[in-house]
Amino acid sequence: MEIMNMKLKMMATLWDNTYRVAIDDGQGKYIGTARVVVNVPLPPEALPENAPQVEAQLLILVEDFNFGADKIINFETTLADLLREKFRYKIPHIFFYYPSPQDVLNQTISQ
């Protein structure tokens, strides 16, 4: 699996500014699935005069992935570059979120 050659299939969802992204290695082999939420600030005319200035950001909720922890940095770097390209480099901040580890999800909680 080659993370550096990732290809994205981006689909709109039923929510505003939210996309589902299927990620493969460029040869059709599955790498992962993510949900991308675009946070775009309100226009200045809709804000009070003293409102702070904010920039657009992407929240990437990684739903599933098929690689080891040693490849996370390459995955995030490549995916961030590809998404910035899709959004024409206008989004400076990208935040990644991952599912909880399986061992935490499968623990029995006793009182």
Protein backbone atom coordinates (compact mmCIF):
# COMPACT_ATOMS: atom_id res chain seq x y z
CA MET A 1 0.00 0.00 0.00
CA GLU A 2 1.44 3.33 -1.07
CA ILE A 3 0.06 6.24 0.96
CA MET A 4 1.97 8.87 -1.02
CA ASN A 5 -0.05 8.06 -4.18
CA MET A 6 -3.49 8.33 -2.56
CA LYS A 7 -6.56 9.03 -4.65
CA LEU A 8 -9.72 10.54 -3.17
CA LYS A 9 -13.36 10.01 -4.05
CA MET A 10 -15.27 12.88 -2.47
CA MET A 11 -19.05 12.79 -2.12
CA ALA A 12 -21.43 15.42 -0.76
CA THR A 13 -23.65 14.37 2.15
CA LEU A 14 -27.05 15.56 3.33
CA TRP A 15 -25.40 18.11 5.66
CA ASP A 16 -24.09 21.51 4.57
CA ASN A 17 -20.32 21.65 4.06
CA THR A 18 -19.86 17.96 4.95
CA TYR A 19 -18.30 15.38 2.65
CA ARG A 20 -17.53 11.68 2.76
CA VAL A 21 -14.14 10.74 1.36
CA ALA A 22 -13.14 7.26 0.20
CA ILE A 23 -9.36 6.93 0.05
CA ASP A 24 -7.39 4.39 -1.99
CA ASP A 25 -3.72 3.90 -2.81
CA GLY A 26 -3.96 4.92 -6.46
CA GLN A 27 -4.24 1.29 -7.58
CA GLY A 28 -7.72 0.70 -6.16
CA LYS A 29 -6.61 -0.80 -2.81
CA TYR A 30 -8.59 0.56 0.14
CA ILE A 31 -6.75 2.85 2.60
CA GLY A 32 -9.56 4.45 4.56
CA THR A 33 -12.74 6.47 4.86
CA ALA A 34 -13.15 9.93 6.34
CA ARG A 35 -15.80 12.55 6.85
CA VAL A 36 -14.67 16.09 6.06
CA VAL A 37 -16.46 19.04 7.65
CA VAL A 38 -15.69 22.48 6.22
CA ASN A 39 -16.00 25.27 8.77
CA VAL A 40 -16.36 28.55 6.93
CA PRO A 41 -16.64 31.81 8.90
CA LEU A 42 -19.69 34.00 8.55
CA PRO A 43 -19.35 37.00 6.25
CA PRO A 44 -18.14 40.19 8.01
CA GLU A 45 -21.45 41.97 7.43
CA ALA A 46 -23.25 39.28 9.48
CA LEU A 47 -21.01 39.86 12.52
CA PRO A 48 -20.82 42.59 15.16
CA GLU A 49 -18.03 45.14 14.78
CA ASN A 50 -15.91 43.73 17.60
CA ALA A 51 -16.10 40.07 16.48
CA PRO A 52 -12.72 38.33 16.25
CA GLN A 53 -11.40 37.33 12.84
CA VAL A 54 -11.29 33.62 12.12
CA GLU A 55 -10.11 31.52 9.19
CA ALA A 56 -11.73 28.58 7.48
CA GLN A 57 -10.78 25.13 8.75
CA LEU A 58 -11.32 21.48 7.88
CA LEU A 59 -12.22 18.84 10.44
CA ILE A 60 -11.31 15.38 9.21
CA LEU A 61 -13.04 12.60 11.10
CA VAL A 62 -11.18 9.44 10.11
CA GLU A 63 -13.84 6.74 10.32
CA ASP A 64 -11.78 3.77 9.21
CA PHE A 65 -8.25 3.09 8.01
CA ASN A 66 -6.16 0.17 6.87
CA PHE A 67 -2.57 1.00 7.88
CA GLY A 68 -0.34 0.95 10.94
CA ALA A 69 0.33 3.79 13.37
CA ASP A 70 3.78 4.26 11.84
CA LYS A 71 2.14 5.66 8.67
CA ILE A 72 -0.15 8.24 10.31
CA ILE A 73 2.12 11.23 9.63
CA ASN A 74 2.50 10.32 5.94
CA PHE A 75 -1.27 9.74 5.73
CA GLU A 76 -2.15 13.10 7.32
CA THR A 77 0.41 15.04 5.28
CA THR A 78 -0.69 13.54 1.98
CA LEU A 79 -4.41 13.76 2.73
CA ALA A 80 -4.09 17.38 3.90
CA ASP A 81 -2.26 18.31 0.68
CA LEU A 82 -4.87 16.60 -1.50
CA LEU A 83 -7.77 18.25 0.35
CA ARG A 84 -6.14 21.68 0.21
CA GLU A 85 -5.79 21.18 -3.55
CA LYS A 86 -9.50 20.24 -3.82
CA PHE A 87 -10.48 23.37 -1.90
CA ARG A 88 -8.05 25.52 -3.92
CA TYR A 89 -5.60 26.06 -1.05
CA LYS A 90 -7.98 28.43 0.77
CA ILE A 91 -8.17 26.48 4.04
CA PRO A 92 -5.11 26.98 6.25
CA HIS A 93 -6.07 24.80 9.25
CA ILE A 94 -6.80 21.07 9.14
CA PHE A 95 -7.56 18.98 12.23
CA PHE A 96 -7.61 15.16 12.25
CA TYR A 97 -9.71 13.04 14.62
CA TYR A 98 -9.51 9.25 14.90
CA PRO A 99 -11.78 6.55 16.36
CA SER A 100 -11.06 5.29 19.85
CA PRO A 101 -8.77 2.27 20.07
CA GLN A 102 -10.57 -1.04 19.87
CA ASP A 103 -9.37 -2.20 23.29
CA VAL A 104 -11.10 0.80 24.92
CA LEU A 105 -14.33 0.25 23.01
CA ASN A 106 -14.53 -3.42 23.95
CA GLN A 107 -13.94 -3.00 27.70
CA THR A 108 -16.66 -4.09 30.08
CA ILE A 109 -17.55 -1.30 32.47
CA SER A 110 -18.31 -2.55 35.97
CA GLN A 111 -19.48 -0.51 38.89
